[in-house]
Amino acid sequence: MKQIIIREAGGVYWLIKADQSGTYVPPMMVNDSAAELIRLLLEGNTPQESARILSEGEDDLIPVILNDIQSLCEEVQKQLGVPIGA
């Protein structure tokens, strides 16, 4: 079972913690780029693989994308309490 569910509604994406058996955790709103990144990580890609995919051959962008991935993963952990992209 996935720990995070991605849903699109009203032109924005929502990350939802799948296991809500404890205290309710509100969904996290993200843009389409962040949703695509989370989708790649949930599919089993490493942060490095995800950065390479998203860079579309522009290798000089990989360090910038990796930094964005780290920031997003930290924010997901903070807001949803779910580790991702480790």
Protein backbone atom coordinates (compact mmCIF):
# COMPACT_ATOMS: atom_id res chain seq x y z
CA MET A 1 0.00 0.00 0.00
CA LYS A 2 1.27 3.45 -0.86
CA GLN A 3 1.82 5.84 2.03
CA ILE A 4 0.78 8.85 -0.04
CA ILE A 5 -2.13 9.24 -2.43
CA ILE A 6 -2.03 11.95 -5.12
CA ARG A 7 -5.32 13.53 -6.17
CA GLU A 8 -6.05 16.38 -8.56
CA ALA A 9 -8.98 18.69 -7.86
CA GLY A 10 -9.74 22.17 -9.06
CA GLY A 11 -6.49 22.48 -10.98
CA VAL A 12 -4.26 21.72 -7.99
CA TYR A 13 -2.81 18.52 -6.63
CA TRP A 14 -3.23 17.17 -3.13
CA LEU A 15 -0.93 14.77 -1.31
CA ILE A 16 -2.94 12.72 1.13
CA LYS A 17 -1.53 10.51 3.86
CA ALA A 18 -3.03 7.10 3.12
CA ASP A 19 -3.06 5.79 6.70
CA GLN A 20 -5.38 8.03 8.67
CA SER A 21 -5.89 5.53 11.52
CA GLY A 22 -4.43 7.88 14.12
CA THR A 23 -4.78 11.63 14.33
CA TYR A 24 -6.18 13.19 11.15
CA VAL A 25 -3.47 14.66 8.93
CA PRO A 26 -4.76 17.28 6.48
CA PRO A 27 -3.73 16.97 2.83
CA MET A 28 -0.83 18.94 1.43
CA MET A 29 -1.47 21.11 -1.64
CA VAL A 30 1.26 21.02 -4.31
CA ASN A 31 1.70 22.18 -7.89
CA ASP A 32 1.88 19.88 -10.90
CA SER A 33 5.70 19.73 -10.85
CA ALA A 34 5.79 18.60 -7.23
CA ALA A 35 3.04 16.05 -7.90
CA GLU A 36 5.05 14.61 -10.81
CA LEU A 37 8.15 14.40 -8.63
CA ILE A 38 6.28 12.62 -5.83
CA ARG A 39 4.78 10.25 -8.41
CA LEU A 40 8.27 9.36 -9.66
CA LEU A 41 9.47 8.67 -6.11
CA LEU A 42 6.39 6.58 -5.30
CA GLU A 43 7.07 4.51 -8.43
CA GLY A 44 10.40 3.52 -6.87
CA ASN A 45 12.79 5.96 -8.54
CA THR A 46 15.59 7.28 -6.37
CA PRO A 47 16.00 11.04 -6.01
CA GLN A 48 18.96 10.84 -8.43
CA GLU A 49 16.94 8.89 -11.01
CA SER A 50 14.04 11.30 -10.62
CA ALA A 51 16.35 14.30 -11.13
CA ARG A 52 17.79 12.71 -14.26
CA ILE A 53 14.28 12.07 -15.66
CA LEU A 54 13.12 15.59 -14.88
CA SER A 55 16.27 17.21 -16.27
CA GLU A 56 15.38 15.91 -19.75
CA GLY A 57 19.06 15.62 -20.72
CA GLU A 58 20.15 18.95 -19.23
CA ASP A 59 22.73 17.47 -16.83
CA ASP A 60 23.66 20.88 -15.42
CA LEU A 61 20.13 21.06 -13.93
CA ILE A 62 20.49 17.85 -11.92
CA PRO A 63 22.06 19.47 -8.80
CA VAL A 64 19.31 22.12 -8.74
CA ILE A 65 16.60 19.48 -9.13
CA LEU A 66 18.17 17.32 -6.41
CA ASN A 67 18.07 20.32 -4.07
CA ASP A 68 14.39 20.83 -4.90
CA ILE A 69 13.73 17.12 -4.31
CA GLN A 70 15.38 17.28 -0.90
CA SER A 71 13.36 20.36 0.07
CA LEU A 72 10.09 18.79 -1.10
CA CYS A 73 10.79 15.51 0.72
CA GLU A 74 11.54 17.42 3.93
CA GLU A 75 8.28 19.37 3.59
CA VAL A 76 6.27 16.18 2.95
CA GLN A 77 7.84 14.62 6.07
CA LYS A 78 7.02 17.74 8.09
CA GLN A 79 3.41 18.16 6.92
CA LEU A 80 2.31 14.55 6.39
CA GLY A 81 4.69 12.69 8.68
CA VAL A 82 5.62 10.34 5.84
CA PRO A 83 9.24 9.79 4.84
CA ILE A 84 9.73 9.74 1.09
CA GLY A 85 12.66 9.79 -1.29
CA ALA A 86 15.23 8.46 1.15
